[in-house]
Amino acid sequence: MIQWRKSSRSEGSVNGACVELAGLSGVVGVRDSKNPDAGHLTLPRETFAALVAHAKDARP
């Protein structure tokens, strides 16, 4: 059973935009919490870390 957790940044979202993450063996699962049955992305941990770093750098 995969244990999903909602991003703490999702709380109070104006448009309900939320993500959930799951730590799996060597990878990170990412899915839309509003539609969990639609599937998920699986990213290597290094790729996920680069994605998060890029998103932080791109903030206004």
PDB file of N, CA and C in Angstrom:
ATOM      1  N   MET A   1       0.834  -1.186   0.000  1.00  0.00           N
ATOM      2  CA  MET A   1       0.000   0.000   0.000  1.00  0.00           C
ATOM      3  C   MET A   1       0.878   1.249   0.000  1.00  0.00           C
ATOM      4  N   ILE A   2       0.654   2.130  -0.936  1.00  0.00           N
ATOM      5  CA  ILE A   2       1.417   3.378  -1.013  1.00  0.00           C
ATOM      6  C   ILE A   2       0.825   4.377  -0.026  1.00  0.00           C
ATOM      7  N   GLN A   3       1.674   5.010   0.759  1.00  0.00           N
ATOM      8  CA  GLN A   3       1.250   6.016   1.730  1.00  0.00           C
ATOM      9  C   GLN A   3       1.430   7.395   1.120  1.00  0.00           C
ATOM     10  N   TRP A   4       0.337   8.053   0.734  1.00  0.00           N
ATOM     11  CA  TRP A   4       0.369   9.397   0.144  1.00  0.00           C
ATOM     12  C   TRP A   4       0.212  10.428   1.236  1.00  0.00           C
ATOM     13  N   ARG A   5       0.871  11.574   1.073  1.00  0.00           N
ATOM     14  CA  ARG A   5       0.667  12.693   2.007  1.00  0.00           C
ATOM     15  C   ARG A   5       0.508  13.978   1.214  1.00  0.00           C
ATOM     16  N   LYS A   6      -0.348  14.827   1.709  1.00  0.00           N
ATOM     17  CA  LYS A   6      -0.654  16.089   1.028  1.00  0.00           C
ATOM     18  C   LYS A   6       0.413  17.120   1.357  1.00  0.00           C
ATOM     19  N   SER A   7       0.767  17.909   0.377  1.00  0.00           N
ATOM     20  CA  SER A   7       1.743  18.967   0.568  1.00  0.00           C
ATOM     21  C   SER A   7       1.228  19.982   1.579  1.00  0.00           C
ATOM     22  N   SER A   8       2.100  20.410   2.469  1.00  0.00           N
ATOM     23  CA  SER A   8       1.710  21.435   3.448  1.00  0.00           C
ATOM     24  C   SER A   8       1.431  22.762   2.749  1.00  0.00           C
ATOM     25  N   ARG A   9       1.976  22.963   1.562  1.00  0.00           N
ATOM     26  CA  ARG A   9       1.745  24.182   0.784  1.00  0.00           C
ATOM     27  C   ARG A   9       0.363  24.194   0.144  1.00  0.00           C
ATOM     28  N   SER A  10      -0.334  23.073   0.180  1.00  0.00           N
ATOM     29  CA  SER A  10      -1.656  22.989  -0.433  1.00  0.00           C
ATOM     30  C   SER A  10      -2.745  23.603   0.437  1.00  0.00           C
ATOM     31  N   GLU A  11      -2.493  23.722   1.709  1.00  0.00           N
ATOM     32  CA  GLU A  11      -3.500  24.260   2.619  1.00  0.00           C
ATOM     33  C   GLU A  11      -3.813  25.707   2.269  1.00  0.00           C
ATOM     34  N   GLY A  12      -5.087  26.029   2.238  1.00  0.00           N
ATOM     35  CA  GLY A  12      -5.510  27.392   1.967  1.00  0.00           C
ATOM     36  C   GLY A  12      -5.400  27.805   0.514  1.00  0.00           C
ATOM     37  N   SER A  13      -5.227  26.856  -0.360  1.00  0.00           N
ATOM     38  CA  SER A  13      -5.109  27.166  -1.781  1.00  0.00           C
ATOM     39  C   SER A  13      -6.411  27.764  -2.297  1.00  0.00           C
ATOM     40  N   VAL A  14      -6.317  28.855  -3.025  1.00  0.00           N
ATOM     41  CA  VAL A  14      -7.488  29.559  -3.532  1.00  0.00           C
ATOM     42  C   VAL A  14      -8.284  28.705  -4.506  1.00  0.00           C
ATOM     43  N   ASN A  15      -7.614  28.045  -5.423  1.00  0.00           N
ATOM     44  CA  ASN A  15      -8.319  27.271  -6.452  1.00  0.00           C
ATOM     45  C   ASN A  15      -8.340  25.775  -6.169  1.00  0.00           C
ATOM     46  N   GLY A  16      -7.940  25.375  -4.979  1.00  0.00           N
ATOM     47  CA  GLY A  16      -7.965  23.965  -4.629  1.00  0.00           C
ATOM     48  C   GLY A  16      -6.818  23.167  -5.219  1.00  0.00           C
ATOM     49  N   ALA A  17      -5.812  23.840  -5.762  1.00  0.00           N
ATOM     50  CA  ALA A  17      -4.664  23.154  -6.354  1.00  0.00           C
ATOM     51  C   ALA A  17      -3.863  22.472  -5.249  1.00  0.00           C
ATOM     52  N   CYS A  18      -3.784  21.165  -5.309  1.00  0.00           N
ATOM     53  CA  CYS A  18      -3.094  20.395  -4.282  1.00  0.00           C
ATOM     54  C   CYS A  18      -2.316  19.255  -4.914  1.00  0.00           C
ATOM     55  N   VAL A  19      -1.212  18.917  -4.303  1.00  0.00           N
ATOM     56  CA  VAL A  19      -0.479  17.732  -4.722  1.00  0.00           C
ATOM     57  C   VAL A  19      -0.272  16.835  -3.517  1.00  0.00           C
ATOM     58  N   GLU A  20      -0.115  15.550  -3.809  1.00  0.00           N
ATOM     59  CA  GLU A  20       0.231  14.576  -2.791  1.00  0.00           C
ATOM     60  C   GLU A  20       1.522  13.903  -3.236  1.00  0.00           C
ATOM     61  N   LEU A  21       2.337  13.540  -2.253  1.00  0.00           N
ATOM     62  CA  LEU A  21       3.617  12.898  -2.520  1.00  0.00           C
ATOM     63  C   LEU A  21       3.675  11.554  -1.814  1.00  0.00           C
ATOM     64  N   ALA A  22       4.415  10.632  -2.406  1.00  0.00           N
ATOM     65  CA  ALA A  22       4.663   9.337  -1.784  1.00  0.00           C
ATOM     66  C   ALA A  22       6.124   8.987  -1.999  1.00  0.00           C
ATOM     67  N   GLY A  23       6.816   8.679  -0.907  1.00  0.00           N
ATOM     68  CA  GLY A  23       8.195   8.228  -1.014  1.00  0.00           C
ATOM     69  C   GLY A  23       8.202   6.733  -1.283  1.00  0.00           C
ATOM     70  N   LEU A  24       8.754   6.358  -2.405  1.00  0.00           N
ATOM     71  CA  LEU A  24       8.844   4.954  -2.784  1.00  0.00           C
ATOM     72  C   LEU A  24      10.322   4.585  -2.857  1.00  0.00           C
ATOM     73  N   SER A  25      10.636   3.383  -3.146  1.00  0.00           N
ATOM     74  CA  SER A  25      12.018   2.926  -3.201  1.00  0.00           C
ATOM     75  C   SER A  25      12.803   3.652  -4.295  1.00  0.00           C
ATOM     76  N   GLY A  26      13.555   4.687  -3.904  1.00  0.00           N
ATOM     77  CA  GLY A  26      14.396   5.416  -4.841  1.00  0.00           C
ATOM     78  C   GLY A  26      13.691   6.422  -5.719  1.00  0.00           C
ATOM     79  N   VAL A  27      12.374   6.546  -5.583  1.00  0.00           N
ATOM     80  CA  VAL A  27      11.609   7.473  -6.404  1.00  0.00           C
ATOM     81  C   VAL A  27      10.593   8.222  -5.547  1.00  0.00           C
ATOM     82  N   VAL A  28       9.992   9.264  -6.145  1.00  0.00           N
ATOM     83  CA  VAL A  28       8.932  10.028  -5.494  1.00  0.00           C
ATOM     84  C   VAL A  28       7.713   9.990  -6.397  1.00  0.00           C
ATOM     85  N   GLY A  29       6.571   9.622  -5.829  1.00  0.00           N
ATOM     86  CA  GLY A  29       5.311   9.658  -6.555  1.00  0.00           C
ATOM     87  C   GLY A  29       4.644  11.008  -6.339  1.00  0.00           C
ATOM     88  N   VAL A  30       4.058  11.562  -7.388  1.00  0.00           N
ATOM     89  CA  VAL A  30       3.370  12.862  -7.317  1.00  0.00           C
ATOM     90  C   VAL A  30       2.013  12.697  -7.984  1.00  0.00           C
ATOM     91  N   ARG A  31       0.941  13.123  -7.291  1.00  0.00           N
ATOM     92  CA  ARG A  31      -0.396  13.036  -7.882  1.00  0.00           C
ATOM     93  C   ARG A  31      -1.250  14.215  -7.456  1.00  0.00           C
ATOM     94  N   ASP A  32      -2.327  14.429  -8.191  1.00  0.00           N
ATOM     95  CA  ASP A  32      -3.306  15.482  -7.915  1.00  0.00           C
ATOM     96  C   ASP A  32      -4.249  14.966  -6.828  1.00  0.00           C
ATOM     97  N   SER A  33      -4.296  15.637  -5.693  1.00  0.00           N
ATOM     98  CA  SER A  33      -5.130  15.154  -4.592  1.00  0.00           C
ATOM     99  C   SER A  33      -6.620  15.270  -4.888  1.00  0.00           C
ATOM    100  N   LYS A  34      -6.991  16.140  -5.842  1.00  0.00           N
ATOM    101  CA  LYS A  34      -8.411  16.259  -6.195  1.00  0.00           C
ATOM    102  C   LYS A  34      -8.866  15.107  -7.085  1.00  0.00           C
ATOM    103  N   ASN A  35      -7.918  14.425  -7.733  1.00  0.00           N
ATOM    104  CA  ASN A  35      -8.256  13.346  -8.651  1.00  0.00           C
ATOM    105  C   ASN A  35      -7.224  12.218  -8.522  1.00  0.00           C
ATOM    106  N   PRO A  36      -7.162  11.560  -7.361  1.00  0.00           N
ATOM    107  CA  PRO A  36      -6.125  10.566  -7.124  1.00  0.00           C
ATOM    108  C   PRO A  36      -6.216   9.333  -8.024  1.00  0.00           C
ATOM    109  N   ASP A  37      -7.383   9.056  -8.565  1.00  0.00           N
ATOM    110  CA  ASP A  37      -7.535   7.882  -9.434  1.00  0.00           C
ATOM    111  C   ASP A  37      -7.042   8.127 -10.856  1.00  0.00           C
ATOM    112  N   ALA A  38      -6.648   9.359 -11.172  1.00  0.00           N
ATOM    113  CA  ALA A  38      -6.184   9.685 -12.517  1.00  0.00           C
ATOM    114  C   ALA A  38      -4.755   9.205 -12.771  1.00  0.00           C
ATOM    115  N   GLY A  39      -4.088   8.717 -11.748  1.00  0.00           N
ATOM    116  CA  GLY A  39      -2.716   8.243 -11.899  1.00  0.00           C
ATOM    117  C   GLY A  39      -1.734   9.179 -11.228  1.00  0.00           C
ATOM    118  N   HIS A  40      -0.467   8.875 -11.387  1.00  0.00           N
ATOM    119  CA  HIS A  40       0.569   9.694 -10.765  1.00  0.00           C
ATOM    120  C   HIS A  40       1.836   9.659 -11.602  1.00  0.00           C
ATOM    121  N   LEU A  41       2.698  10.624 -11.336  1.00  0.00           N
ATOM    122  CA  LEU A  41       4.027  10.666 -11.930  1.00  0.00           C
ATOM    123  C   LEU A  41       4.992   9.996 -10.968  1.00  0.00           C
ATOM    124  N   THR A  42       5.976   9.318 -11.500  1.00  0.00           N
ATOM    125  CA  THR A  42       7.030   8.734 -10.684  1.00  0.00           C
ATOM    126  C   THR A  42       8.353   9.319 -11.161  1.00  0.00           C
ATOM    127  N   LEU A  43       9.040   9.991 -10.252  1.00  0.00           N
ATOM    128  CA  LEU A  43      10.293  10.665 -10.588  1.00  0.00           C
ATOM    129  C   LEU A  43      11.429  10.133  -9.712  1.00  0.00           C
ATOM    130  N   PRO A  44      12.626   9.963 -10.280  1.00  0.00           N
ATOM    131  CA  PRO A  44      13.780   9.653  -9.433  1.00  0.00           C
ATOM    132  C   PRO A  44      13.945  10.768  -8.399  1.00  0.00           C
ATOM    133  N   ARG A  45      14.420  10.419  -7.222  1.00  0.00           N
ATOM    134  CA  ARG A  45      14.552  11.414  -6.149  1.00  0.00           C
ATOM    135  C   ARG A  45      15.390  12.623  -6.581  1.00  0.00           C
ATOM    136  N   GLU A  46      16.438  12.387  -7.343  1.00  0.00           N
ATOM    137  CA  GLU A  46      17.299  13.491  -7.796  1.00  0.00           C
ATOM    138  C   GLU A  46      16.533  14.432  -8.727  1.00  0.00           C
ATOM    139  N   THR A  47      15.709  13.871  -9.596  1.00  0.00           N
ATOM    140  CA  THR A  47      14.912  14.678 -10.521  1.00  0.00           C
ATOM    141  C   THR A  47      13.873  15.482  -9.754  1.00  0.00           C
ATOM    142  N   PHE A  48      13.232  14.857  -8.772  1.00  0.00           N
ATOM    143  CA  PHE A  48      12.244  15.568  -7.960  1.00  0.00           C
ATOM    144  C   PHE A  48      12.903  16.717  -7.205  1.00  0.00           C
ATOM    145  N   ALA A  49      14.083  16.475  -6.641  1.00  0.00           N
ATOM    146  CA  ALA A  49      14.803  17.532  -5.920  1.00  0.00           C
ATOM    147  C   ALA A  49      15.143  18.689  -6.860  1.00  0.00           C
ATOM    148  N   ALA A  50      15.543  18.379  -8.093  1.00  0.00           N
ATOM    149  CA  ALA A  50      15.845  19.433  -9.068  1.00  0.00           C
ATOM    150  C   ALA A  50      14.581  20.208  -9.432  1.00  0.00           C
ATOM    151  N   LEU A  51      13.459  19.514  -9.564  1.00  0.00           N
ATOM    152  CA  LEU A  51      12.182  20.168  -9.859  1.00  0.00           C
ATOM    153  C   LEU A  51      11.800  21.140  -8.745  1.00  0.00           C
ATOM    154  N   VAL A  52      11.919  20.707  -7.511  1.00  0.00           N
ATOM    155  CA  VAL A  52      11.583  21.571  -6.371  1.00  0.00           C
ATOM    156  C   VAL A  52      12.521  22.778  -6.331  1.00  0.00           C
ATOM    157  N   ALA A  53      13.805  22.560  -6.537  1.00  0.00           N
ATOM    158  CA  ALA A  53      14.768  23.667  -6.539  1.00  0.00           C
ATOM    159  C   ALA A  53      14.446  24.665  -7.643  1.00  0.00           C
ATOM    160  N   HIS A  54      14.107  24.167  -8.822  1.00  0.00           N
ATOM    161  CA  HIS A  54      13.755  25.046  -9.940  1.00  0.00           C
ATOM    162  C   HIS A  54      12.495  25.853  -9.613  1.00  0.00           C
ATOM    163  N   ALA A  55      11.496  25.196  -9.029  1.00  0.00           N
ATOM    164  CA  ALA A  55      10.252  25.898  -8.678  1.00  0.00           C
ATOM    165  C   ALA A  55      10.527  26.996  -7.645  1.00  0.00           C
ATOM    166  N   LYS A  56      11.392  26.719  -6.680  1.00  0.00           N
ATOM    167  CA  LYS A  56      11.736  27.735  -5.683  1.00  0.00           C
ATOM    168  C   LYS A  56      12.460  28.911  -6.319  1.00  0.00           C
ATOM    169  N   ASP A  57      13.361  28.651  -7.261  1.00  0.00           N
ATOM    170  CA  ASP A  57      14.116  29.711  -7.927  1.00  0.00           C
ATOM    171  C   ASP A  57      13.219  30.560  -8.828  1.00  0.00           C
ATOM    172  N   ALA A  58      12.142  29.958  -9.343  1.00  0.00           N
ATOM    173  CA  ALA A  58      11.269  30.659 -10.283  1.00  0.00           C
ATOM    174  C   ALA A  58      10.180  31.478  -9.593  1.00  0.00           C
ATOM    175  N   ARG A  59      10.114  31.403  -8.279  1.00  0.00           N
ATOM    176  CA  ARG A  59       9.092  32.176  -7.556  1.00  0.00           C
ATOM    177  C   ARG A  59       9.287  33.660  -7.767  1.00  0.00           C
ATOM    178  N   PRO A  60       8.164  34.399  -7.886  1.00  0.00           N
ATOM    179  CA  PRO A  60       8.283  35.867  -8.038  1.00  0.00           C
ATOM    180  C   PRO A  60       8.799  36.537  -6.793  1.00  0.00           C
TER     181      PRO A  60
END
